[in-house]
Amino acid sequence: IEELCQKREELCRQIQQEEDEKQRLQNEVRQLTEKLARVNENLARKIASRNEFDRTIAETEAAYLKILESSQTLLSVLKREAGNLTKATASDQKSSGGRDS
């Protein structure tokens, strides 16, 4: 009987050790789960920010291209009108005999 009692006590000690280990592991899993949730939240916020940056960059590039296109069009019109004014001035000078009025 004494031997059986010793075996039982040893088994109880092993059970307690494994229950302690189980509790420690469960706490570790809970902490890691909470940490994973925080990391996922931070990641989601950062991805949303990156997407917002991407959208802003794309809009800015599109606006820049429109401005560039408009300035090139304006420059072409300005050159054409300057050429027309030069022709008109030369024509006026020929018709007035090259004299200043």
PDB file of N, CA and C in Angstrom:
ATOM      1  N   ILE A   1       0.844  -1.191   0.000  1.00  0.00           N
ATOM      2  CA  ILE A   1       0.000   0.000   0.000  1.00  0.00           C
ATOM      3  C   ILE A   1       0.887   1.252   0.000  1.00  0.00           C
ATOM      4  N   GLU A   2       1.967   1.194   0.778  1.00  0.00           N
ATOM      5  CA  GLU A   2       2.848   2.348   0.856  1.00  0.00           C
ATOM      6  C   GLU A   2       3.459   2.668  -0.520  1.00  0.00           C
ATOM      7  N   GLU A   3       3.823   1.649  -1.237  1.00  0.00           N
ATOM      8  CA  GLU A   3       4.364   1.843  -2.578  1.00  0.00           C
ATOM      9  C   GLU A   3       3.320   2.455  -3.501  1.00  0.00           C
ATOM     10  N   LEU A   4       2.104   2.000  -3.421  1.00  0.00           N
ATOM     11  CA  LEU A   4       1.010   2.565  -4.229  1.00  0.00           C
ATOM     12  C   LEU A   4       0.778   4.034  -3.870  1.00  0.00           C
ATOM     13  N   CYS A   5       0.880   4.331  -2.583  1.00  0.00           N
ATOM     14  CA  CYS A   5       0.698   5.730  -2.146  1.00  0.00           C
ATOM     15  C   CYS A   5       1.813   6.611  -2.702  1.00  0.00           C
ATOM     16  N   GLN A   6       3.027   6.095  -2.731  1.00  0.00           N
ATOM     17  CA  GLN A   6       4.151   6.852  -3.277  1.00  0.00           C
ATOM     18  C   GLN A   6       3.966   7.092  -4.784  1.00  0.00           C
ATOM     19  N   LYS A   7       3.533   6.047  -5.469  1.00  0.00           N
ATOM     20  CA  LYS A   7       3.282   6.191  -6.901  1.00  0.00           C
ATOM     21  C   LYS A   7       2.176   7.207  -7.158  1.00  0.00           C
ATOM     22  N   ARG A   8       1.164   7.161  -6.312  1.00  0.00           N
ATOM     23  CA  ARG A   8       0.062   8.121  -6.444  1.00  0.00           C
ATOM     24  C   ARG A   8       0.563   9.543  -6.212  1.00  0.00           C
ATOM     25  N   GLU A   9       1.384   9.736  -5.189  1.00  0.00           N
ATOM     26  CA  GLU A   9       1.933  11.060  -4.895  1.00  0.00           C
ATOM     27  C   GLU A   9       2.816  11.550  -6.044  1.00  0.00           C
ATOM     28  N   GLU A  10       3.603  10.661  -6.578  1.00  0.00           N
ATOM     29  CA  GLU A  10       4.439  11.020  -7.719  1.00  0.00           C
ATOM     30  C   GLU A  10       3.574  11.423  -8.908  1.00  0.00           C
ATOM     31  N   LEU A  11       2.526  10.658  -9.135  1.00  0.00           N
ATOM     32  CA  LEU A  11       1.608  10.974 -10.224  1.00  0.00           C
ATOM     33  C   LEU A  11       0.913  12.322  -9.983  1.00  0.00           C
ATOM     34  N   CYS A  12       0.517  12.571  -8.755  1.00  0.00           N
ATOM     35  CA  CYS A  12      -0.106  13.873  -8.418  1.00  0.00           C
ATOM     36  C   CYS A  12       0.871  15.017  -8.663  1.00  0.00           C
ATOM     37  N   ARG A  13       2.142  14.814  -8.314  1.00  0.00           N
ATOM     38  CA  ARG A  13       3.160  15.834  -8.536  1.00  0.00           C
ATOM     39  C   ARG A  13       3.342  16.090 -10.037  1.00  0.00           C
ATOM     40  N   GLN A  14       3.367  15.043 -10.831  1.00  0.00           N
ATOM     41  CA  GLN A  14       3.496  15.180 -12.280  1.00  0.00           C
ATOM     42  C   GLN A  14       2.280  15.890 -12.876  1.00  0.00           C
ATOM     43  N   ILE A  15       1.097  15.508 -12.360  1.00  0.00           N
ATOM     44  CA  ILE A  15      -0.138  16.163 -12.831  1.00  0.00           C
ATOM     45  C   ILE A  15      -0.074  17.655 -12.529  1.00  0.00           C
ATOM     46  N   GLN A  16       0.359  18.024 -11.323  1.00  0.00           N
ATOM     47  CA  GLN A  16       0.438  19.438 -10.948  1.00  0.00           C
ATOM     48  C   GLN A  16       1.445  20.171 -11.831  1.00  0.00           C
ATOM     49  N   GLN A  17       2.572  19.550 -12.132  1.00  0.00           N
ATOM     50  CA  GLN A  17       3.581  20.162 -12.998  1.00  0.00           C
ATOM     51  C   GLN A  17       3.010  20.402 -14.398  1.00  0.00           C
ATOM     52  N   GLU A  18       2.300  19.416 -14.908  1.00  0.00           N
ATOM     53  CA  GLU A  18       1.728  19.565 -16.251  1.00  0.00           C
ATOM     54  C   GLU A  18       0.603  20.592 -16.268  1.00  0.00           C
ATOM     55  N   GLU A  19      -0.168  20.668 -15.187  1.00  0.00           N
ATOM     56  CA  GLU A  19      -1.209  21.703 -15.110  1.00  0.00           C
ATOM     57  C   GLU A  19      -0.577  23.092 -15.046  1.00  0.00           C
ATOM     58  N   ASP A  20       0.520  23.204 -14.310  1.00  0.00           N
ATOM     59  CA  ASP A  20       1.243  24.484 -14.246  1.00  0.00           C
ATOM     60  C   ASP A  20       1.786  24.854 -15.628  1.00  0.00           C
ATOM     61  N   GLU A  21       2.371  23.863 -16.304  1.00  0.00           N
ATOM     62  CA  GLU A  21       2.895  24.094 -17.656  1.00  0.00           C
ATOM     63  C   GLU A  21       1.763  24.486 -18.607  1.00  0.00           C
ATOM     64  N   LYS A  22       0.643  23.802 -18.483  1.00  0.00           N
ATOM     65  CA  LYS A  22      -0.527  24.111 -19.318  1.00  0.00           C
ATOM     66  C   LYS A  22      -0.969  25.552 -19.087  1.00  0.00           C
ATOM     67  N   GLN A  23      -1.045  25.964 -17.836  1.00  0.00           N
ATOM     68  CA  GLN A  23      -1.456  27.329 -17.504  1.00  0.00           C
ATOM     69  C   GLN A  23      -0.461  28.342 -18.073  1.00  0.00           C
ATOM     70  N   ARG A  24       0.831  28.039 -17.937  1.00  0.00           N
ATOM     71  CA  ARG A  24       1.853  28.934 -18.465  1.00  0.00           C
ATOM     72  C   ARG A  24       1.728  29.070 -19.984  1.00  0.00           C
ATOM     73  N   LEU A  25       1.531  27.954 -20.643  1.00  0.00           N
ATOM     74  CA  LEU A  25       1.382  27.968 -22.099  1.00  0.00           C
ATOM     75  C   LEU A  25       0.112  28.710 -22.531  1.00  0.00           C
ATOM     76  N   GLN A  26      -0.973  28.513 -21.793  1.00  0.00           N
ATOM     77  CA  GLN A  26      -2.215  29.224 -22.123  1.00  0.00           C
ATOM     78  C   GLN A  26      -2.036  30.729 -21.968  1.00  0.00           C
ATOM     79  N   ASN A  27      -1.323  31.149 -20.932  1.00  0.00           N
ATOM     80  CA  ASN A  27      -1.045  32.580 -20.743  1.00  0.00           C
ATOM     81  C   ASN A  27      -0.184  33.111 -21.882  1.00  0.00           C
ATOM     82  N   GLU A  28       0.802  32.306 -22.267  1.00  0.00           N
ATOM     83  CA  GLU A  28       1.673  32.712 -23.365  1.00  0.00           C
ATOM     84  C   GLU A  28       0.885  32.836 -24.669  1.00  0.00           C
ATOM     85  N   VAL A  29      -0.014  31.886 -24.923  1.00  0.00           N
ATOM     86  CA  VAL A  29      -0.855  31.931 -26.124  1.00  0.00           C
ATOM     87  C   VAL A  29      -1.747  33.168 -26.091  1.00  0.00           C
ATOM     88  N   ARG A  30      -2.321  33.477 -24.922  1.00  0.00           N
ATOM     89  CA  ARG A  30      -3.184  34.659 -24.787  1.00  0.00           C
ATOM     90  C   ARG A  30      -2.389  35.931 -25.072  1.00  0.00           C
ATOM     91  N   GLN A  31      -1.179  36.019 -24.511  1.00  0.00           N
ATOM     92  CA  GLN A  31      -0.346  37.199 -24.734  1.00  0.00           C
ATOM     93  C   GLN A  31       0.041  37.327 -26.204  1.00  0.00           C
ATOM     94  N   LEU A  32       0.399  36.217 -26.803  1.00  0.00           N
ATOM     95  CA  LEU A  32       0.770  36.247 -28.225  1.00  0.00           C
ATOM     96  C   LEU A  32      -0.436  36.586 -29.098  1.00  0.00           C
ATOM     97  N   THR A  33      -1.607  36.100 -28.736  1.00  0.00           N
ATOM     98  CA  THR A  33      -2.826  36.421 -29.490  1.00  0.00           C
ATOM     99  C   THR A  33      -3.120  37.915 -29.415  1.00  0.00           C
ATOM    100  N   GLU A  34      -2.961  38.489 -28.216  1.00  0.00           N
ATOM    101  CA  GLU A  34      -3.177  39.930 -28.053  1.00  0.00           C
ATOM    102  C   GLU A  34      -2.149  40.722 -28.853  1.00  0.00           C
ATOM    103  N   LYS A  35      -0.904  40.273 -28.815  1.00  0.00           N
ATOM    104  CA  LYS A  35       0.151  40.951 -29.567  1.00  0.00           C
ATOM    105  C   LYS A  35      -0.125  40.861 -31.066  1.00  0.00           C
ATOM    106  N   LEU A  36      -0.559  39.693 -31.518  1.00  0.00           N
ATOM    107  CA  LEU A  36      -0.893  39.518 -32.935  1.00  0.00           C
ATOM    108  C   LEU A  36      -2.028  40.456 -33.337  1.00  0.00           C
ATOM    109  N   ALA A  37      -3.030  40.602 -32.483  1.00  0.00           N
ATOM    110  CA  ALA A  37      -4.149  41.507 -32.782  1.00  0.00           C
ATOM    111  C   ALA A  37      -3.649  42.948 -32.914  1.00  0.00           C
ATOM    112  N   ARG A  38      -2.751  43.361 -32.007  1.00  0.00           N
ATOM    113  CA  ARG A  38      -2.201  44.726 -32.080  1.00  0.00           C
ATOM    114  C   ARG A  38      -1.392  44.921 -33.352  1.00  0.00           C
ATOM    115  N   VAL A  39      -0.575  43.935 -33.697  1.00  0.00           N
ATOM    116  CA  VAL A  39       0.231  44.026 -34.913  1.00  0.00           C
ATOM    117  C   VAL A  39      -0.675  44.104 -36.138  1.00  0.00           C
ATOM    118  N   ASN A  40      -1.725  43.296 -36.165  1.00  0.00           N
ATOM    119  CA  ASN A  40      -2.665  43.330 -37.291  1.00  0.00           C
ATOM    120  C   ASN A  40      -3.353  44.682 -37.409  1.00  0.00           C
ATOM    121  N   GLU A  41      -3.728  45.274 -36.283  1.00  0.00           N
ATOM    122  CA  GLU A  41      -4.365  46.598 -36.303  1.00  0.00           C
ATOM    123  C   GLU A  41      -3.394  47.651 -36.839  1.00  0.00           C
ATOM    124  N   ASN A  42      -2.159  47.625 -36.338  1.00  0.00           N
ATOM    125  CA  ASN A  42      -1.148  48.579 -36.813  1.00  0.00           C
ATOM    126  C   ASN A  42      -0.881  48.388 -38.297  1.00  0.00           C
ATOM    127  N   LEU A  43      -0.801  47.147 -38.711  1.00  0.00           N
ATOM    128  CA  LEU A  43      -0.564  46.843 -40.118  1.00  0.00           C
ATOM    129  C   LEU A  43      -1.706  47.362 -40.989  1.00  0.00           C
ATOM    130  N   ALA A  44      -2.925  47.154 -40.547  1.00  0.00           N
ATOM    131  CA  ALA A  44      -4.086  47.629 -41.312  1.00  0.00           C
ATOM    132  C   ALA A  44      -4.062  49.154 -41.437  1.00  0.00           C
ATOM    133  N   ARG A  45      -3.722  49.848 -40.341  1.00  0.00           N
ATOM    134  CA  ARG A  45      -3.642  51.322 -40.387  1.00  0.00           C
ATOM    135  C   ARG A  45      -2.551  51.771 -41.349  1.00  0.00           C
ATOM    136  N   LYS A  46      -1.417  51.102 -41.299  1.00  0.00           N
ATOM    137  CA  LYS A  46      -0.306  51.496 -42.166  1.00  0.00           C
ATOM    138  C   LYS A  46      -0.617  51.203 -43.635  1.00  0.00           C
ATOM    139  N   ILE A  47      -1.285  50.109 -43.895  1.00  0.00           N
ATOM    140  CA  ILE A  47      -1.672  49.800 -45.281  1.00  0.00           C
ATOM    141  C   ILE A  47      -2.667  50.838 -45.785  1.00  0.00           C
ATOM    142  N   ALA A  48      -3.608  51.227 -44.936  1.00  0.00           N
ATOM    143  CA  ALA A  48      -4.575  52.257 -45.323  1.00  0.00           C
ATOM    144  C   ALA A  48      -3.854  53.584 -45.608  1.00  0.00           C
ATOM    145  N   SER A  49      -2.876  53.919 -44.787  1.00  0.00           N
ATOM    146  CA  SER A  49      -2.104  55.151 -45.011  1.00  0.00           C
ATOM    147  C   SER A  49      -1.324  55.067 -46.313  1.00  0.00           C
ATOM    148  N   ARG A  50      -0.713  53.917 -46.554  1.00  0.00           N
ATOM    149  CA  ARG A  50       0.034  53.750 -47.802  1.00  0.00           C
ATOM    150  C   ARG A  50      -0.895  53.881 -49.003  1.00  0.00           C
ATOM    151  N   ASN A  51      -2.080  53.298 -48.914  1.00  0.00           N
ATOM    152  CA  ASN A  51      -3.047  53.409 -50.011  1.00  0.00           C
ATOM    153  C   ASN A  51      -3.467  54.863 -50.229  1.00  0.00           C
ATOM    154  N   GLU A  52      -3.603  55.605 -49.142  1.00  0.00           N
ATOM    155  CA  GLU A  52      -3.945  57.025 -49.245  1.00  0.00           C
ATOM    156  C   GLU A  52      -2.801  57.799 -49.910  1.00  0.00           C
ATOM    157  N   PHE A  53      -1.573  57.486 -49.534  1.00  0.00           N
ATOM    158  CA  PHE A  53      -0.420  58.105 -50.191  1.00  0.00           C
ATOM    159  C   PHE A  53      -0.418  57.783 -51.684  1.00  0.00           C
ATOM    160  N   ASP A  54      -0.656  56.512 -52.008  1.00  0.00           N
ATOM    161  CA  ASP A  54      -0.682  56.112 -53.420  1.00  0.00           C
ATOM    162  C   ASP A  54      -1.738  56.899 -54.194  1.00  0.00           C
ATOM    163  N   ARG A  55      -2.926  57.048 -53.591  1.00  0.00           N
ATOM    164  CA  ARG A  55      -4.007  57.784 -54.244  1.00  0.00           C
ATOM    165  C   ARG A  55      -3.618  59.252 -54.419  1.00  0.00           C
ATOM    166  N   THR A  56      -3.060  59.853 -53.387  1.00  0.00           N
ATOM    167  CA  THR A  56      -2.663  61.258 -53.452  1.00  0.00           C
ATOM    168  C   THR A  56      -1.567  61.466 -54.499  1.00  0.00           C
ATOM    169  N   ILE A  57      -0.608  60.555 -54.520  1.00  0.00           N
ATOM    170  CA  ILE A  57       0.473  60.653 -55.515  1.00  0.00           C
ATOM    171  C   ILE A  57      -0.089  60.547 -56.924  1.00  0.00           C
ATOM    172  N   ALA A  58      -0.994  59.597 -57.144  1.00  0.00           N
ATOM    173  CA  ALA A  58      -1.583  59.421 -58.473  1.00  0.00           C
ATOM    174  C   ALA A  58      -2.363  60.675 -58.889  1.00  0.00           C
ATOM    175  N   GLU A  59      -3.149  61.237 -57.960  1.00  0.00           N
ATOM    176  CA  GLU A  59      -3.910  62.448 -58.270  1.00  0.00           C
ATOM    177  C   GLU A  59      -2.974  63.620 -58.566  1.00  0.00           C
ATOM    178  N   THR A  60      -1.903  63.731 -57.788  1.00  0.00           N
ATOM    179  CA  THR A  60      -0.950  64.822 -57.979  1.00  0.00           C
ATOM    180  C   THR A  60      -0.239  64.688 -59.322  1.00  0.00           C
ATOM    181  N   GLU A  61       0.152  63.464 -59.655  1.00  0.00           N
ATOM    182  CA  GLU A  61       0.806  63.251 -60.950  1.00  0.00           C
ATOM    183  C   GLU A  61      -0.141  63.585 -62.095  1.00  0.00           C
ATOM    184  N   ALA A  62      -1.410  63.196 -61.972  1.00  0.00           N
ATOM    185  CA  ALA A  62      -2.384  63.495 -63.025  1.00  0.00           C
ATOM    186  C   ALA A  62      -2.566  65.009 -63.156  1.00  0.00           C
ATOM    187  N   ALA A  63      -2.659  65.707 -62.024  1.00  0.00           N
ATOM    188  CA  ALA A  63      -2.815  67.165 -62.064  1.00  0.00           C
ATOM    189  C   ALA A  63      -1.575  67.816 -62.664  1.00  0.00           C
ATOM    190  N   TYR A  64      -0.404  67.323 -62.310  1.00  0.00           N
ATOM    191  CA  TYR A  64       0.841  67.855 -62.865  1.00  0.00           C
ATOM    192  C   TYR A  64       0.875  67.674 -64.381  1.00  0.00           C
ATOM    193  N   LEU A  65       0.486  66.508 -64.856  1.00  0.00           N
ATOM    194  CA  LEU A  65       0.479  66.263 -66.300  1.00  0.00           C
ATOM    195  C   LEU A  65      -0.494  67.196 -67.010  1.00  0.00           C
ATOM    196  N   LYS A  66      -1.646  67.455 -66.384  1.00  0.00           N
ATOM    197  CA  LYS A  66      -2.601  68.397 -66.979  1.00  0.00           C
ATOM    198  C   LYS A  66      -2.003  69.801 -67.036  1.00  0.00           C
ATOM    199  N   ILE A  67      -1.335  70.201 -65.969  1.00  0.00           N
ATOM    200  CA  ILE A  67      -0.704  71.525 -65.941  1.00  0.00           C
ATOM    201  C   ILE A  67       0.377  71.604 -67.010  1.00  0.00           C
ATOM    202  N   LEU A  68       1.182  70.554 -67.115  1.00  0.00           N
ATOM    203  CA  LEU A  68       2.241  70.518 -68.116  1.00  0.00           C
ATOM    204  C   LEU A  68       1.651  70.609 -69.523  1.00  0.00           C
ATOM    205  N   GLU A  69       0.602  69.848 -69.761  1.00  0.00           N
ATOM    206  CA  GLU A  69      -0.053  69.873 -71.078  1.00  0.00           C
ATOM    207  C   GLU A  69      -0.624  71.257 -71.372  1.00  0.00           C
ATOM    208  N   SER A  70      -1.263  71.863 -70.376  1.00  0.00           N
ATOM    209  CA  SER A  70      -1.837  73.200 -70.555  1.00  0.00           C
ATOM    210  C   SER A  70      -0.744  74.226 -70.812  1.00  0.00           C
ATOM    211  N   SER A  71       0.380  74.108 -70.094  1.00  0.00           N
ATOM    212  CA  SER A  71       1.457  75.085 -70.299  1.00  0.00           C
ATOM    213  C   SER A  71       2.066  74.925 -71.688  1.00  0.00           C
ATOM    214  N   GLN A  72       2.160  73.691 -72.172  1.00  0.00           N
ATOM    215  CA  GLN A  72       2.690  73.487 -73.522  1.00  0.00           C
ATOM    216  C   GLN A  72       1.728  74.066 -74.562  1.00  0.00           C
ATOM    217  N   THR A  73       0.434  73.872 -74.339  1.00  0.00           N
ATOM    218  CA  THR A  73      -0.559  74.448 -75.245  1.00  0.00           C
ATOM    219  C   THR A  73      -0.482  75.975 -75.214  1.00  0.00           C
ATOM    220  N   LEU A  74      -0.384  76.530 -74.007  1.00  0.00           N
ATOM    221  CA  LEU A  74      -0.282  77.980 -73.859  1.00  0.00           C
ATOM    222  C   LEU A  74       0.976  78.504 -74.543  1.00  0.00           C
ATOM    223  N   LEU A  75       2.085  77.794 -74.381  1.00  0.00           N
ATOM    224  CA  LEU A  75       3.327  78.208 -75.029  1.00  0.00           C
ATOM    225  C   LEU A  75       3.189  78.190 -76.551  1.00  0.00           C
ATOM    226  N   SER A  76       2.527  77.175 -77.095  1.00  0.00           N
ATOM    227  CA  SER A  76       2.315  77.094 -78.545  1.00  0.00           C
ATOM    228  C   SER A  76       1.460  78.260 -79.030  1.00  0.00           C
ATOM    229  N   VAL A  77       0.392  78.557 -78.301  1.00  0.00           N
ATOM    230  CA  VAL A  77      -0.478  79.672 -78.666  1.00  0.00           C
ATOM    231  C   VAL A  77       0.302  80.984 -78.588  1.00  0.00           C
ATOM    232  N   LEU A  78       1.081  81.140 -77.548  1.00  0.00           N
ATOM    233  CA  LEU A  78       1.862  82.358 -77.370  1.00  0.00           C
ATOM    234  C   LEU A  78       2.870  82.534 -78.508  1.00  0.00           C
ATOM    235  N   LYS A  79       3.544  81.460 -78.897  1.00  0.00           N
ATOM    236  CA  LYS A  79       4.495  81.538 -80.008  1.00  0.00           C
ATOM    237  C   LYS A  79       3.782  81.889 -81.308  1.00  0.00           C
ATOM    238  N   ARG A  80       2.619  81.264 -81.527  1.00  0.00           N
ATOM    239  CA  ARG A  80       1.863  81.550 -82.755  1.00  0.00           C
ATOM    240  C   ARG A  80       1.412  83.003 -82.776  1.00  0.00           C
ATOM    241  N   GLU A  81       0.882  83.484 -81.664  1.00  0.00           N
ATOM    242  CA  GLU A  81       0.417  84.866 -81.599  1.00  0.00           C
ATOM    243  C   GLU A  81       1.595  85.841 -81.722  1.00  0.00           C
ATOM    244  N   ALA A  82       2.739  85.499 -81.131  1.00  0.00           N
ATOM    245  CA  ALA A  82       3.919  86.363 -81.254  1.00  0.00           C
ATOM    246  C   ALA A  82       4.350  86.427 -82.716  1.00  0.00           C
ATOM    247  N   GLY A  83       4.281  85.279 -83.392  1.00  0.00           N
ATOM    248  CA  GLY A  83       4.601  85.257 -84.818  1.00  0.00           C
ATOM    249  C   GLY A  83       3.622  86.106 -85.602  1.00  0.00           C
ATOM    250  N   ASN A  84       2.352  86.022 -85.297  1.00  0.00           N
ATOM    251  CA  ASN A  84       1.346  86.832 -85.980  1.00  0.00           C
ATOM    252  C   ASN A  84       1.579  88.321 -85.738  1.00  0.00           C
ATOM    253  N   LEU A  85       1.918  88.670 -84.497  1.00  0.00           N
ATOM    254  CA  LEU A  85       2.192  90.078 -84.185  1.00  0.00           C
ATOM    255  C   LEU A  85       3.436  90.565 -84.930  1.00  0.00           C
ATOM    256  N   THR A  86       4.437  89.697 -85.026  1.00  0.00           N
ATOM    257  CA  THR A  86       5.653  90.077 -85.755  1.00  0.00           C
ATOM    258  C   THR A  86       5.326  90.324 -87.224  1.00  0.00           C
ATOM    259  N   LYS A  87       4.511  89.444 -87.804  1.00  0.00           N
ATOM    260  CA  LYS A  87       4.109  89.607 -89.208  1.00  0.00           C
ATOM    261  C   LYS A  87       3.288  90.882 -89.371  1.00  0.00           C
ATOM    262  N   ALA A  88       2.370  91.102 -88.443  1.00  0.00           N
ATOM    263  CA  ALA A  88       1.519  92.288 -88.527  1.00  0.00           C
ATOM    264  C   ALA A  88       2.350  93.553 -88.372  1.00  0.00           C
ATOM    265  N   THR A  89       3.308  93.534 -87.477  1.00  0.00           N
ATOM    266  CA  THR A  89       4.165  94.705 -87.270  1.00  0.00           C
ATOM    267  C   THR A  89       5.010  94.960 -88.515  1.00  0.00           C
ATOM    268  N   ALA A  90       5.553  93.899 -89.089  1.00  0.00           N
ATOM    269  CA  ALA A  90       6.360  94.037 -90.314  1.00  0.00           C
ATOM    270  C   ALA A  90       5.490  94.554 -91.445  1.00  0.00           C
ATOM    271  N   SER A  91       4.262  94.070 -91.517  1.00  0.00           N
ATOM    272  CA  SER A  91       3.339  94.507 -92.573  1.00  0.00           C
ATOM    273  C   SER A  91       2.980  95.981 -92.380  1.00  0.00           C
ATOM    274  N   ASP A  92       2.755  96.404 -91.140  1.00  0.00           N
ATOM    275  CA  ASP A  92       2.425  97.800 -90.844  1.00  0.00           C
ATOM    276  C   ASP A  92       3.604  98.705 -91.186  1.00  0.00           C
ATOM    277  N   GLN A  93       4.821  98.224 -90.895  1.00  0.00           N
ATOM    278  CA  GLN A  93       5.987  99.045 -91.174  1.00  0.00           C
ATOM    279  C   GLN A  93       6.193  99.194 -92.679  1.00  0.00           C
ATOM    280  N   LYS A  94       5.900  98.130 -93.450  1.00  0.00           N
ATOM    281  CA  LYS A  94       6.021  98.206 -94.911  1.00  0.00           C
ATOM    282  C   LYS A  94       4.986  99.165 -95.470  1.00  0.00           C
ATOM    283  N   SER A  95       3.773  99.087 -94.954  1.00  0.00           N
ATOM    284  CA  SER A  95       2.705  99.932 -95.506  1.00  0.00           C
ATOM    285  C   SER A  95       2.880 101.394 -95.105  1.00  0.00           C
ATOM    286  N   SER A  96       3.554 101.648 -93.992  1.00  0.00           N
ATOM    287  CA  SER A  96       3.764 103.040 -93.599  1.00  0.00           C
ATOM    288  C   SER A  96       5.121 103.544 -94.066  1.00  0.00           C
ATOM    289  N   GLY A  97       5.832 102.721 -94.797  1.00  0.00           N
ATOM    290  CA  GLY A  97       7.097 103.132 -95.360  1.00  0.00           C
ATOM    291  C   GLY A  97       8.226 103.035 -94.362  1.00  0.00           C
ATOM    292  N   GLY A  98       8.014 102.332 -93.311  1.00  0.00           N
ATOM    293  CA  GLY A  98       9.066 102.147 -92.345  1.00  0.00           C
ATOM    294  C   GLY A  98       9.217 103.325 -91.413  1.00  0.00           C
ATOM    295  N   ARG A  99       8.243 104.291 -91.473  1.00  0.00           N
ATOM    296  CA  ARG A  99       8.311 105.455 -90.602  1.00  0.00           C
ATOM    297  C   ARG A  99       7.558 105.195 -89.322  1.00  0.00           C
ATOM    298  N   ASP A 100       8.068 105.775 -88.223  1.00  0.00           N
ATOM    299  CA  ASP A 100       7.357 105.677 -86.943  1.00  0.00           C
ATOM    300  C   ASP A 100       6.277 106.734 -86.926  1.00  0.00           C
ATOM    301  N   SER A 101       5.125 106.396 -86.416  1.00  0.00           N
ATOM    302  CA  SER A 101       4.012 107.342 -86.391  1.00  0.00           C
ATOM    303  C   SER A 101       4.052 108.173 -85.163  1.00  0.00           C
TER     304      SER A 101
END
